[in-house]
Structures are given as C-alpha cells and as structure tokens.
PDB file of N, CA and C in Angstrom:
ATOM      1  N   MET A   1     -15.389   5.214  -3.171  1.00  0.00           N
ATOM      2  CA  MET A   1     -14.015   5.046  -3.593  1.00  0.00           C
ATOM      3  C   MET A   1     -13.986   4.524  -5.023  1.00  0.00           C
ATOM      4  N   GLU A   2     -13.106   5.081  -5.795  1.00  0.00           N
ATOM      5  CA  GLU A   2     -12.968   4.675  -7.186  1.00  0.00           C
ATOM      6  C   GLU A   2     -12.062   3.448  -7.312  1.00  0.00           C
ATOM      7  N   HIS A   3     -11.056   3.335  -6.454  1.00  0.00           N
ATOM      8  CA  HIS A   3     -10.097   2.229  -6.494  1.00  0.00           C
ATOM      9  C   HIS A   3     -10.243   1.386  -5.233  1.00  0.00           C
ATOM     10  N   SER A   4      -9.687   0.187  -5.291  1.00  0.00           N
ATOM     11  CA  SER A   4      -9.791  -0.705  -4.137  1.00  0.00           C
ATOM     12  C   SER A   4      -8.935  -0.173  -2.989  1.00  0.00           C
ATOM     13  N   PRO A   5      -9.333  -0.459  -1.758  1.00  0.00           N
ATOM     14  CA  PRO A   5      -8.542  -0.026  -0.603  1.00  0.00           C
ATOM     15  C   PRO A   5      -7.118  -0.581  -0.637  1.00  0.00           C
ATOM     16  N   ARG A   6      -6.975  -1.799  -1.120  1.00  0.00           N
ATOM     17  CA  ARG A   6      -5.654  -2.422  -1.217  1.00  0.00           C
ATOM     18  C   ARG A   6      -4.752  -1.589  -2.121  1.00  0.00           C
ATOM     19  N   LEU A   7      -5.260  -1.172  -3.260  1.00  0.00           N
ATOM     20  CA  LEU A   7      -4.486  -0.388  -4.212  1.00  0.00           C
ATOM     21  C   LEU A   7      -4.089   0.960  -3.619  1.00  0.00           C
ATOM     22  N   VAL A   8      -5.004   1.609  -2.946  1.00  0.00           N
ATOM     23  CA  VAL A   8      -4.732   2.919  -2.348  1.00  0.00           C
ATOM     24  C   VAL A   8      -3.607   2.815  -1.320  1.00  0.00           C
ATOM     25  N   VAL A   9      -3.687   1.829  -0.448  1.00  0.00           N
ATOM     26  CA  VAL A   9      -2.670   1.659   0.599  1.00  0.00           C
ATOM     27  C   VAL A   9      -1.322   1.269  -0.006  1.00  0.00           C
ATOM     28  N   LEU A  10      -1.324   0.326  -0.949  1.00  0.00           N
ATOM     29  CA  LEU A  10      -0.064  -0.115  -1.539  1.00  0.00           C
ATOM     30  C   LEU A  10       0.635   1.014  -2.282  1.00  0.00           C
ATOM     31  N   LEU A  11      -0.124   1.801  -2.991  1.00  0.00           N
ATOM     32  CA  LEU A  11       0.462   2.919  -3.716  1.00  0.00           C
ATOM     33  C   LEU A  11       1.115   3.904  -2.746  1.00  0.00           C
ATOM     34  N   ALA A  12       0.449   4.177  -1.648  1.00  0.00           N
ATOM     35  CA  ALA A  12       1.017   5.086  -0.652  1.00  0.00           C
ATOM     36  C   ALA A  12       2.296   4.510  -0.042  1.00  0.00           C
ATOM     37  N   LEU A  13       2.294   3.229   0.278  1.00  0.00           N
ATOM     38  CA  LEU A  13       3.461   2.615   0.916  1.00  0.00           C
ATOM     39  C   LEU A  13       4.644   2.484  -0.039  1.00  0.00           C
ATOM     40  N   LEU A  14       4.360   2.186  -1.300  1.00  0.00           N
ATOM     41  CA  LEU A  14       5.453   2.018  -2.261  1.00  0.00           C
ATOM     42  C   LEU A  14       6.227   3.308  -2.504  1.00  0.00           C
ATOM     43  N   ARG A  15       5.620   4.449  -2.261  1.00  0.00           N
ATOM     44  CA  ARG A  15       6.332   5.729  -2.403  1.00  0.00           C
ATOM     45  C   ARG A  15       7.518   5.829  -1.445  1.00  0.00           C
ATOM     46  N   TYR A  16       7.444   5.121  -0.354  1.00  0.00           N
ATOM     47  CA  TYR A  16       8.465   5.214   0.692  1.00  0.00           C
ATOM     48  C   TYR A  16       9.578   4.184   0.521  1.00  0.00           C
ATOM     49  N   MET A  17       9.450   3.322  -0.459  1.00  0.00           N
ATOM     50  CA  MET A  17      10.428   2.246  -0.612  1.00  0.00           C
ATOM     51  C   MET A  17      11.381   2.528  -1.759  1.00  0.00           C
ATOM     52  N   LYS A  18      12.613   2.110  -1.566  1.00  0.00           N
ATOM     53  CA  LYS A  18      13.623   2.192  -2.620  1.00  0.00           C
ATOM     54  C   LYS A  18      13.414   1.014  -3.570  1.00  0.00           C
ATOM     55  N   PRO A  19      13.849   1.151  -4.818  1.00  0.00           N
ATOM     56  CA  PRO A  19      13.656   0.049  -5.784  1.00  0.00           C
ATOM     57  C   PRO A  19      14.240  -1.280  -5.315  1.00  0.00           C
ATOM     58  N   GLU A  20      15.393  -1.242  -4.664  1.00  0.00           N
ATOM     59  CA  GLU A  20      15.982  -2.510  -4.199  1.00  0.00           C
ATOM     60  C   GLU A  20      15.161  -3.134  -3.076  1.00  0.00           C
ATOM     61  N   GLU A  21      14.510  -2.320  -2.256  1.00  0.00           N
ATOM     62  CA  GLU A  21      13.626  -2.846  -1.213  1.00  0.00           C
ATOM     63  C   GLU A  21      12.393  -3.492  -1.838  1.00  0.00           C
ATOM     64  N   VAL A  22      11.881  -2.870  -2.876  1.00  0.00           N
ATOM     65  CA  VAL A  22      10.719  -3.426  -3.576  1.00  0.00           C
ATOM     66  C   VAL A  22      11.090  -4.775  -4.199  1.00  0.00           C
ATOM     67  N   GLU A  23      12.262  -4.853  -4.793  1.00  0.00           N
ATOM     68  CA  GLU A  23      12.709  -6.116  -5.405  1.00  0.00           C
ATOM     69  C   GLU A  23      12.843  -7.223  -4.363  1.00  0.00           C
ATOM     70  N   ARG A  24      13.438  -6.900  -3.223  1.00  0.00           N
ATOM     71  CA  ARG A  24      13.577  -7.909  -2.156  1.00  0.00           C
ATOM     72  C   ARG A  24      12.211  -8.380  -1.680  1.00  0.00           C
ATOM     73  N   MET A  25      11.283  -7.440  -1.546  1.00  0.00           N
ATOM     74  CA  MET A  25       9.943  -7.803  -1.096  1.00  0.00           C
ATOM     75  C   MET A  25       9.225  -8.646  -2.161  1.00  0.00           C
ATOM     76  N   LYS A  26       9.419  -8.314  -3.439  1.00  0.00           N
ATOM     77  CA  LYS A  26       8.809  -9.108  -4.517  1.00  0.00           C
ATOM     78  C   LYS A  26       9.317 -10.540  -4.484  1.00  0.00           C
ATOM     79  N   ILE A  27      10.608 -10.710  -4.287  1.00  0.00           N
ATOM     80  CA  ILE A  27      11.195 -12.052  -4.215  1.00  0.00           C
ATOM     81  C   ILE A  27      10.628 -12.807  -3.021  1.00  0.00           C
ATOM     82  N   ASP A  28      10.508 -12.119  -1.896  1.00  0.00           N
ATOM     83  CA  ASP A  28       9.956 -12.724  -0.686  1.00  0.00           C
ATOM     84  C   ASP A  28       8.502 -13.149  -0.906  1.00  0.00           C
ATOM     85  N   LEU A  29       7.708 -12.288  -1.515  1.00  0.00           N
ATOM     86  CA  LEU A  29       6.296 -12.598  -1.748  1.00  0.00           C
ATOM     87  C   LEU A  29       6.108 -13.693  -2.795  1.00  0.00           C
ATOM     88  N   ALA A  30       7.005 -13.764  -3.758  1.00  0.00           N
ATOM     89  CA  ALA A  30       6.893 -14.772  -4.814  1.00  0.00           C
ATOM     90  C   ALA A  30       7.064 -16.189  -4.265  1.00  0.00           C
ATOM     91  N   LYS A  31       7.717 -16.325  -3.146  1.00  0.00           N
ATOM     92  CA  LYS A  31       7.935 -17.636  -2.540  1.00  0.00           C
ATOM     93  C   LYS A  31       6.673 -18.188  -1.885  1.00  0.00           C
ATOM     94  N   LEU A  32       5.700 -17.315  -1.647  1.00  0.00           N
ATOM     95  CA  LEU A  32       4.483 -17.714  -0.941  1.00  0.00           C
ATOM     96  C   LEU A  32       3.436 -18.242  -1.916  1.00  0.00           C
ATOM     97  N   LYS A  33       2.625 -19.183  -1.459  1.00  0.00           N
ATOM     98  CA  LYS A  33       1.569 -19.727  -2.302  1.00  0.00           C
ATOM     99  C   LYS A  33       0.408 -18.749  -2.421  1.00  0.00           C
ATOM    100  N   ALA A  34       0.019 -18.172  -1.315  1.00  0.00           N
ATOM    101  CA  ALA A  34      -1.095 -17.214  -1.300  1.00  0.00           C
ATOM    102  C   ALA A  34      -0.686 -16.000  -0.473  1.00  0.00           C
ATOM    103  N   VAL A  35      -1.076 -14.844  -0.945  1.00  0.00           N
ATOM    104  CA  VAL A  35      -0.735 -13.608  -0.242  1.00  0.00           C
ATOM    105  C   VAL A  35      -2.026 -12.977   0.252  1.00  0.00           C
ATOM    106  N   THR A  36      -2.272 -13.112   1.539  1.00  0.00           N
ATOM    107  CA  THR A  36      -3.460 -12.493   2.133  1.00  0.00           C
ATOM    108  C   THR A  36      -3.166 -11.027   2.425  1.00  0.00           C
ATOM    109  N   ASP A  37      -4.209 -10.282   2.723  1.00  0.00           N
ATOM    110  CA  ASP A  37      -4.036  -8.866   3.044  1.00  0.00           C
ATOM    111  C   ASP A  37      -3.140  -8.687   4.267  1.00  0.00           C
ATOM    112  N   ARG A  38      -3.382  -9.483   5.296  1.00  0.00           N
ATOM    113  CA  ARG A  38      -2.575  -9.379   6.518  1.00  0.00           C
ATOM    114  C   ARG A  38      -1.108  -9.694   6.234  1.00  0.00           C
ATOM    115  N   LEU A  39      -0.866 -10.719   5.446  1.00  0.00           N
ATOM    116  CA  LEU A  39       0.502 -11.105   5.097  1.00  0.00           C
ATOM    117  C   LEU A  39       1.184 -10.008   4.287  1.00  0.00           C
ATOM    118  N   LEU A  40       0.454  -9.390   3.393  1.00  0.00           N
ATOM    119  CA  LEU A  40       0.998  -8.314   2.586  1.00  0.00           C
ATOM    120  C   LEU A  40       1.404  -7.129   3.462  1.00  0.00           C
ATOM    121  N   VAL A  41       0.562  -6.753   4.395  1.00  0.00           N
ATOM    122  CA  VAL A  41       0.891  -5.638   5.302  1.00  0.00           C
ATOM    123  C   VAL A  41       2.070  -6.017   6.190  1.00  0.00           C
ATOM    124  N   ASP A  42       2.119  -7.266   6.641  1.00  0.00           N
ATOM    125  CA  ASP A  42       3.256  -7.718   7.451  1.00  0.00           C
ATOM    126  C   ASP A  42       4.566  -7.616   6.675  1.00  0.00           C
ATOM    127  N   ARG A  43       4.533  -7.960   5.395  1.00  0.00           N
ATOM    128  CA  ARG A  43       5.752  -7.851   4.580  1.00  0.00           C
ATOM    129  C   ARG A  43       6.160  -6.394   4.402  1.00  0.00           C
ATOM    130  N   PHE A  44       5.190  -5.503   4.218  1.00  0.00           N
ATOM    131  CA  PHE A  44       5.530  -4.083   4.136  1.00  0.00           C
ATOM    132  C   PHE A  44       6.166  -3.619   5.443  1.00  0.00           C
ATOM    133  N   ARG A  45       5.632  -4.076   6.557  1.00  0.00           N
ATOM    134  CA  ARG A  45       6.214  -3.695   7.859  1.00  0.00           C
ATOM    135  C   ARG A  45       7.633  -4.231   8.005  1.00  0.00           C
ATOM    136  N   LYS A  46       7.909  -5.369   7.382  1.00  0.00           N
ATOM    137  CA  LYS A  46       9.245  -5.961   7.439  1.00  0.00           C
ATOM    138  C   LYS A  46      10.251  -5.129   6.640  1.00  0.00           C
ATOM    139  N   TYR A  47       9.847  -4.648   5.483  1.00  0.00           N
ATOM    140  CA  TYR A  47      10.765  -3.936   4.590  1.00  0.00           C
ATOM    141  C   TYR A  47      10.659  -2.412   4.671  1.00  0.00           C
ATOM    142  N   LEU A  48       9.698  -1.902   5.422  1.00  0.00           N
ATOM    143  CA  LEU A  48       9.475  -0.463   5.496  1.00  0.00           C
ATOM    144  C   LEU A  48       9.062  -0.089   6.908  1.00  0.00           C
ATOM    145  N   ASP A  49       9.660   0.958   7.426  1.00  0.00           N
ATOM    146  CA  ASP A  49       9.253   1.468   8.730  1.00  0.00           C
ATOM    147  C   ASP A  49       7.990   2.302   8.529  1.00  0.00           C
ATOM    148  N   ILE A  50       6.840   1.725   8.869  1.00  0.00           N
ATOM    149  CA  ILE A  50       5.547   2.377   8.664  1.00  0.00           C
ATOM    150  C   ILE A  50       5.476   3.704   9.421  1.00  0.00           C
ATOM    151  N   GLU A  51       6.220   3.828  10.500  1.00  0.00           N
ATOM    152  CA  GLU A  51       6.220   5.071  11.283  1.00  0.00           C
ATOM    153  C   GLU A  51       6.650   6.279  10.444  1.00  0.00           C
ATOM    154  N   ARG A  52       7.368   6.042   9.350  1.00  0.00           N
ATOM    155  CA  ARG A  52       7.793   7.158   8.485  1.00  0.00           C
ATOM    156  C   ARG A  52       6.603   7.912   7.917  1.00  0.00           C
ATOM    157  N   LEU A  53       5.482   7.244   7.735  1.00  0.00           N
ATOM    158  CA  LEU A  53       4.292   7.925   7.239  1.00  0.00           C
ATOM    159  C   LEU A  53       3.824   8.986   8.230  1.00  0.00           C
ATOM    160  N   ARG A  54       4.114   8.768   9.499  1.00  0.00           N
ATOM    161  CA  ARG A  54       3.717   9.713  10.548  1.00  0.00           C
ATOM    162  C   ARG A  54       4.814  10.730  10.828  1.00  0.00           C
ATOM    163  N   THR A  55       6.058  10.263  10.898  1.00  0.00           N
ATOM    164  CA  THR A  55       7.150  11.143  11.322  1.00  0.00           C
ATOM    165  C   THR A  55       7.795  11.915  10.179  1.00  0.00           C
ATOM    166  N   GLU A  56       7.871  11.313   8.993  1.00  0.00           N
ATOM    167  CA  GLU A  56       8.505  11.959   7.834  1.00  0.00           C
ATOM    168  C   GLU A  56       7.627  11.798   6.595  1.00  0.00           C
ATOM    169  N   PRO A  57       6.401  12.320   6.614  1.00  0.00           N
ATOM    170  CA  PRO A  57       5.506  12.097   5.473  1.00  0.00           C
ATOM    171  C   PRO A  57       5.976  12.808   4.211  1.00  0.00           C
ATOM    172  N   LEU A  58       5.843  12.142   3.081  1.00  0.00           N
ATOM    173  CA  LEU A  58       6.133  12.770   1.792  1.00  0.00           C
ATOM    174  C   LEU A  58       4.995  13.713   1.416  1.00  0.00           C
ATOM    175  N   VAL A  59       3.806  13.338   1.810  1.00  0.00           N
ATOM    176  CA  VAL A  59       2.602  14.146   1.623  1.00  0.00           C
ATOM    177  C   VAL A  59       1.935  14.213   2.995  1.00  0.00           C
ATOM    178  N   PRO A  60       1.529  15.387   3.449  1.00  0.00           N
ATOM    179  CA  PRO A  60       0.943  15.473   4.796  1.00  0.00           C
ATOM    180  C   PRO A  60      -0.229  14.508   5.022  1.00  0.00           C
ATOM    181  N   GLU A  61      -0.982  14.217   3.982  1.00  0.00           N
ATOM    182  CA  GLU A  61      -2.136  13.325   4.120  1.00  0.00           C
ATOM    183  C   GLU A  61      -1.745  11.862   4.313  1.00  0.00           C
ATOM    184  N   ASP A  62      -0.467  11.512   4.181  1.00  0.00           N
ATOM    185  CA  ASP A  62      -0.033  10.129   4.386  1.00  0.00           C
ATOM    186  C   ASP A  62      -0.326   9.643   5.804  1.00  0.00           C
ATOM    187  N   ILE A  63      -0.533  10.564   6.721  1.00  0.00           N
ATOM    188  CA  ILE A  63      -0.909  10.181   8.084  1.00  0.00           C
ATOM    189  C   ILE A  63      -2.231   9.417   8.071  1.00  0.00           C
ATOM    190  N   MET A  64      -3.064   9.670   7.073  1.00  0.00           N
ATOM    191  CA  MET A  64      -4.342   8.948   6.962  1.00  0.00           C
ATOM    192  C   MET A  64      -4.098   7.461   6.713  1.00  0.00           C
ATOM    193  N   VAL A  65      -3.131   7.142   5.871  1.00  0.00           N
ATOM    194  CA  VAL A  65      -2.806   5.736   5.590  1.00  0.00           C
ATOM    195  C   VAL A  65      -2.213   5.103   6.840  1.00  0.00           C
ATOM    196  N   TYR A  66      -1.353   5.838   7.525  1.00  0.00           N
ATOM    197  CA  TYR A  66      -0.786   5.344   8.779  1.00  0.00           C
ATOM    198  C   TYR A  66      -1.906   5.034   9.775  1.00  0.00           C
ATOM    199  N   ASN A  67      -2.833   5.968   9.939  1.00  0.00           N
ATOM    200  CA  ASN A  67      -3.947   5.764  10.875  1.00  0.00           C
ATOM    201  C   ASN A  67      -4.812   4.580  10.460  1.00  0.00           C
ATOM    202  N   TYR A  68      -5.022   4.429   9.172  1.00  0.00           N
ATOM    203  CA  TYR A  68      -5.800   3.285   8.694  1.00  0.00           C
ATOM    204  C   TYR A  68      -5.104   1.979   9.089  1.00  0.00           C
ATOM    205  N   LEU A  69      -3.804   1.887   8.831  1.00  0.00           N
ATOM    206  CA  LEU A  69      -3.072   0.657   9.144  1.00  0.00           C
ATOM    207  C   LEU A  69      -2.995   0.402  10.650  1.00  0.00           C
ATOM    208  N   GLN A  70      -2.858   1.444  11.423  1.00  0.00           N
ATOM    209  CA  GLN A  70      -2.723   1.286  12.868  1.00  0.00           C
ATOM    210  C   GLN A  70      -4.057   1.009  13.563  1.00  0.00           C
ATOM    211  N   TYR A  71      -5.126   1.662  13.114  1.00  0.00           N
ATOM    212  CA  TYR A  71      -6.362   1.633  13.893  1.00  0.00           C
ATOM    213  C   TYR A  71      -7.558   0.986  13.201  1.00  0.00           C
ATOM    214  N   GLU A  72      -7.559   0.917  11.872  1.00  0.00           N
ATOM    215  CA  GLU A  72      -8.728   0.389  11.182  1.00  0.00           C
ATOM    216  C   GLU A  72      -8.480  -0.936  10.466  1.00  0.00           C
ATOM    217  N   PHE A  73      -7.245  -1.239  10.142  1.00  0.00           N
ATOM    218  CA  PHE A  73      -6.929  -2.473   9.427  1.00  0.00           C
ATOM    219  C   PHE A  73      -7.036  -3.654  10.384  1.00  0.00           C
ATOM    220  N   THR A  74      -7.898  -4.614  10.015  1.00  0.00           N
ATOM    221  CA  THR A  74      -8.115  -5.777  10.877  1.00  0.00           C
ATOM    222  C   THR A  74      -7.686  -7.078  10.223  1.00  0.00           C
ATOM    223  N   GLY A  75      -6.885  -6.979   9.176  1.00  0.00           N
ATOM    224  CA  GLY A  75      -6.441  -8.185   8.491  1.00  0.00           C
ATOM    225  C   GLY A  75      -7.014  -8.290   7.095  1.00  0.00           C
ATOM    226  N   LYS A  76      -7.942  -7.435   6.765  1.00  0.00           N
ATOM    227  CA  LYS A  76      -8.559  -7.407   5.438  1.00  0.00           C
ATOM    228  C   LYS A  76      -8.768  -5.951   5.057  1.00  0.00           C
ATOM    229  N   PHE A  77      -8.392  -5.612   3.834  1.00  0.00           N
ATOM    230  CA  PHE A  77      -8.578  -4.238   3.368  1.00  0.00           C
ATOM    231  C   PHE A  77     -10.069  -3.988   3.147  1.00  0.00           C
ATOM    232  N   ILE A  78     -10.596  -2.963   3.792  1.00  0.00           N
ATOM    233  CA  ILE A  78     -12.000  -2.593   3.625  1.00  0.00           C
ATOM    234  C   ILE A  78     -12.086  -1.104   3.303  1.00  0.00           C
ATOM    235  N   LYS A  79     -13.153  -0.728   2.633  1.00  0.00           N
ATOM    236  CA  LYS A  79     -13.366   0.678   2.306  1.00  0.00           C
ATOM    237  C   LYS A  79     -13.779   1.425   3.566  1.00  0.00           C
ATOM    238  N   THR A  80     -13.117   2.537   3.809  1.00  0.00           N
ATOM    239  CA  THR A  80     -13.470   3.384   4.943  1.00  0.00           C
ATOM    240  C   THR A  80     -13.522   4.833   4.475  1.00  0.00           C
ATOM    241  N   LYS A  81     -14.138   5.673   5.282  1.00  0.00           N
ATOM    242  CA  LYS A  81     -14.198   7.099   4.952  1.00  0.00           C
ATOM    243  C   LYS A  81     -12.801   7.700   4.900  1.00  0.00           C
ATOM    244  N   LEU A  82     -11.926   7.219   5.766  1.00  0.00           N
ATOM    245  CA  LEU A  82     -10.558   7.735   5.819  1.00  0.00           C
ATOM    246  C   LEU A  82      -9.820   7.465   4.505  1.00  0.00           C
ATOM    247  N   LEU A  83      -9.904   6.242   4.003  1.00  0.00           N
ATOM    248  CA  LEU A  83      -9.240   5.916   2.735  1.00  0.00           C
ATOM    249  C   LEU A  83      -9.908   6.617   1.558  1.00  0.00           C
ATOM    250  N   ALA A  84     -11.224   6.763   1.599  1.00  0.00           N
ATOM    251  CA  ALA A  84     -11.916   7.475   0.525  1.00  0.00           C
ATOM    252  C   ALA A  84     -11.456   8.932   0.484  1.00  0.00           C
ATOM    253  N   ARG A  85     -11.284   9.527   1.641  1.00  0.00           N
ATOM    254  CA  ARG A  85     -10.807  10.916   1.700  1.00  0.00           C
ATOM    255  C   ARG A  85      -9.371  11.011   1.186  1.00  0.00           C
ATOM    256  N   TYR A  86      -8.524  10.062   1.586  1.00  0.00           N
ATOM    257  CA  TYR A  86      -7.133  10.045   1.116  1.00  0.00           C
ATOM    258  C   TYR A  86      -7.100   9.917  -0.400  1.00  0.00           C
ATOM    259  N   GLU A  87      -7.884   9.006  -0.932  1.00  0.00           N
ATOM    260  CA  GLU A  87      -7.918   8.812  -2.376  1.00  0.00           C
ATOM    261  C   GLU A  87      -8.368  10.099  -3.076  1.00  0.00           C
ATOM    262  N   ARG A  88      -9.388  10.732  -2.566  1.00  0.00           N
ATOM    263  CA  ARG A  88      -9.923  11.950  -3.158  1.00  0.00           C
ATOM    264  C   ARG A  88      -8.916  13.092  -3.116  1.00  0.00           C
ATOM    265  N   GLU A  89      -8.203  13.253  -1.998  1.00  0.00           N
ATOM    266  CA  GLU A  89      -7.298  14.384  -1.812  1.00  0.00           C
ATOM    267  C   GLU A  89      -5.910  14.173  -2.410  1.00  0.00           C
ATOM    268  N   VAL A  90      -5.430  12.944  -2.448  1.00  0.00           N
ATOM    269  CA  VAL A  90      -4.037  12.702  -2.822  1.00  0.00           C
ATOM    270  C   VAL A  90      -3.893  12.013  -4.168  1.00  0.00           C
ATOM    271  N   MET A  91      -4.775  11.127  -4.487  1.00  0.00           N
ATOM    272  CA  MET A  91      -4.555  10.263  -5.634  1.00  0.00           C
ATOM    273  C   MET A  91      -5.080  10.813  -6.956  1.00  0.00           C
ATOM    274  N   LYS A  92      -5.560  12.033  -6.965  1.00  0.00           N
ATOM    275  CA  LYS A  92      -6.005  12.628  -8.228  1.00  0.00           C
ATOM    276  C   LYS A  92      -4.840  12.653  -9.204  1.00  0.00           C
ATOM    277  N   GLY A  93      -5.082  12.272 -10.420  1.00  0.00           N
ATOM    278  CA  GLY A  93      -4.046  12.350 -11.444  1.00  0.00           C
ATOM    279  C   GLY A  93      -2.978  11.277 -11.369  1.00  0.00           C
ATOM    280  N   GLU A  94      -3.173  10.261 -10.564  1.00  0.00           N
ATOM    281  CA  GLU A  94      -2.163   9.214 -10.439  1.00  0.00           C
ATOM    282  C   GLU A  94      -2.589   7.928 -11.146  1.00  0.00           C
ATOM    283  N   ILE A  95      -3.425   8.041 -12.134  1.00  0.00           N
ATOM    284  CA  ILE A  95      -3.928   6.859 -12.832  1.00  0.00           C
ATOM    285  C   ILE A  95      -2.795   6.071 -13.485  1.00  0.00           C
ATOM    286  N   ALA A  96      -1.832   6.765 -14.080  1.00  0.00           N
ATOM    287  CA  ALA A  96      -0.706   6.065 -14.722  1.00  0.00           C
ATOM    288  C   ALA A  96       0.083   5.265 -13.692  1.00  0.00           C
ATOM    289  N   ALA A  97       0.311   5.856 -12.536  1.00  0.00           N
ATOM    290  CA  ALA A  97       1.044   5.153 -11.480  1.00  0.00           C
ATOM    291  C   ALA A  97       0.241   3.954 -10.980  1.00  0.00           C
ATOM    292  N   ILE A  98      -1.048   4.106 -10.911  1.00  0.00           N
ATOM    293  CA  ILE A  98      -1.906   3.009 -10.462  1.00  0.00           C
ATOM    294  C   ILE A  98      -1.845   1.854 -11.452  1.00  0.00           C
ATOM    295  N   ASN A  99      -1.913   2.164 -12.731  1.00  0.00           N
ATOM    296  CA  ASN A  99      -1.826   1.100 -13.738  1.00  0.00           C
ATOM    297  C   ASN A  99      -0.482   0.390 -13.686  1.00  0.00           C
ATOM    298  N   GLU A 100       0.596   1.140 -13.428  1.00  0.00           N
ATOM    299  CA  GLU A 100       1.917   0.529 -13.294  1.00  0.00           C
ATOM    300  C   GLU A 100       1.961  -0.392 -12.078  1.00  0.00           C
ATOM    301  N   LEU A 101       1.374   0.059 -10.971  1.00  0.00           N
ATOM    302  CA  LEU A 101       1.332  -0.757  -9.765  1.00  0.00           C
ATOM    303  C   LEU A 101       0.564  -2.049 -10.030  1.00  0.00           C
ATOM    304  N   ARG A 102      -0.535  -1.955 -10.750  1.00  0.00           N
ATOM    305  CA  ARG A 102      -1.305  -3.166 -11.070  1.00  0.00           C
ATOM    306  C   ARG A 102      -0.469  -4.172 -11.837  1.00  0.00           C
ATOM    307  N   SER A 103       0.332  -3.691 -12.798  1.00  0.00           N
ATOM    308  CA  SER A 103       1.168  -4.628 -13.562  1.00  0.00           C
ATOM    309  C   SER A 103       2.254  -5.242 -12.683  1.00  0.00           C
ATOM    310  N   ILE A 104       2.811  -4.467 -11.761  1.00  0.00           N
ATOM    311  CA  ILE A 104       3.813  -4.997 -10.824  1.00  0.00           C
ATOM    312  C   ILE A 104       3.174  -6.070  -9.943  1.00  0.00           C
ATOM    313  N   LEU A 105       1.993  -5.773  -9.417  1.00  0.00           N
ATOM    314  CA  LEU A 105       1.321  -6.729  -8.528  1.00  0.00           C
ATOM    315  C   LEU A 105       0.922  -7.991  -9.265  1.00  0.00           C
ATOM    316  N   ARG A 106       0.512  -7.863 -10.523  1.00  0.00           N
ATOM    317  CA  ARG A 106       0.180  -9.057 -11.300  1.00  0.00           C
ATOM    318  C   ARG A 106       1.418  -9.944 -11.455  1.00  0.00           C
ATOM    319  N   SER A 107       2.592  -9.316 -11.657  1.00  0.00           N
ATOM    320  CA  SER A 107       3.817 -10.096 -11.792  1.00  0.00           C
ATOM    321  C   SER A 107       4.173 -10.780 -10.473  1.00  0.00           C
ATOM    322  N   MET A 108       3.677 -10.225  -9.350  1.00  0.00           N
ATOM    323  CA  MET A 108       3.920 -10.812  -8.036  1.00  0.00           C
ATOM    324  C   MET A 108       2.778 -11.764  -7.643  1.00  0.00           C
ATOM    325  N   LYS A 109       1.827 -11.970  -8.575  1.00  0.00           N
ATOM    326  CA  LYS A 109       0.672 -12.864  -8.357  1.00  0.00           C
ATOM    327  C   LYS A 109      -0.229 -12.351  -7.246  1.00  0.00           C
ATOM    328  N   ILE A 110      -0.414 -11.031  -7.196  1.00  0.00           N
ATOM    329  CA  ILE A 110      -1.306 -10.422  -6.207  1.00  0.00           C
ATOM    330  C   ILE A 110      -2.441  -9.759  -6.966  1.00  0.00           C
ATOM    331  N   ASP A 111      -3.672 -10.131  -6.637  1.00  0.00           N
ATOM    332  CA  ASP A 111      -4.827  -9.537  -7.290  1.00  0.00           C
ATOM    333  C   ASP A 111      -5.308  -8.318  -6.508  1.00  0.00           C
ATOM    334  N   LEU A 112      -5.851  -7.379  -7.250  1.00  0.00           N
ATOM    335  CA  LEU A 112      -6.435  -6.183  -6.629  1.00  0.00           C
ATOM    336  C   LEU A 112      -7.933  -6.277  -6.675  1.00  0.00           C
TER     337      LEU A 112
END
C-alpha cells in the first residue's frame, strides 16, 4: 500500500458526506483530547450511514471499504489485502484529494 489504511478509509467515507455533515463531525472531534481509530470510525458511523457503501455505492468497489469496516476493522487501522486492492483500483489519480484530506485532518488534530 502506498498510503496509510486510515487515509484510504477516510477518503472513501468522506465521499458520502455532505459538507455540513463534515463540519459537524469536525466540531465534534475537535472537542476530544485524543482521537483513536475506533473513536474516529464511531464518529463516522454517527454522522454517516455506513450501509450506503453497500446499498448505494458511488463506486462499485466501495463495498471493499464496507467489508473492511464490518469484518476486518478491530479498532485499529491495519494494512490488508482488501484495502491494498481498493487503493490500487480506485485511488489512482486522487493524490490532490489525498493531500487536501491530510490538511483537513491536520486542522482536526488527527495524524495519518
């Protein structure tokens, strides 16, 4: 994998959120002292129906991220073959979006 698993998953999930939902989540996360991987996924589940990745995918491969969150995520983002395949098939050419996400996460005090 070229990018961290956290970055790959967050980029996929942020595609499904409206800007106002992202802002509400940023405000919610800013109130916390530390943001663990599990806490971050819990906040996404609070502001986003993760089932949309399965039922109404924007990209057919988004089911891979759904499967990762449902079956492989144990509270810490780890590199898996599933995420490596998703990154290889979907994330080509999204370097600009990734850099933008990094700046957003830095403003939310979340390291990648």
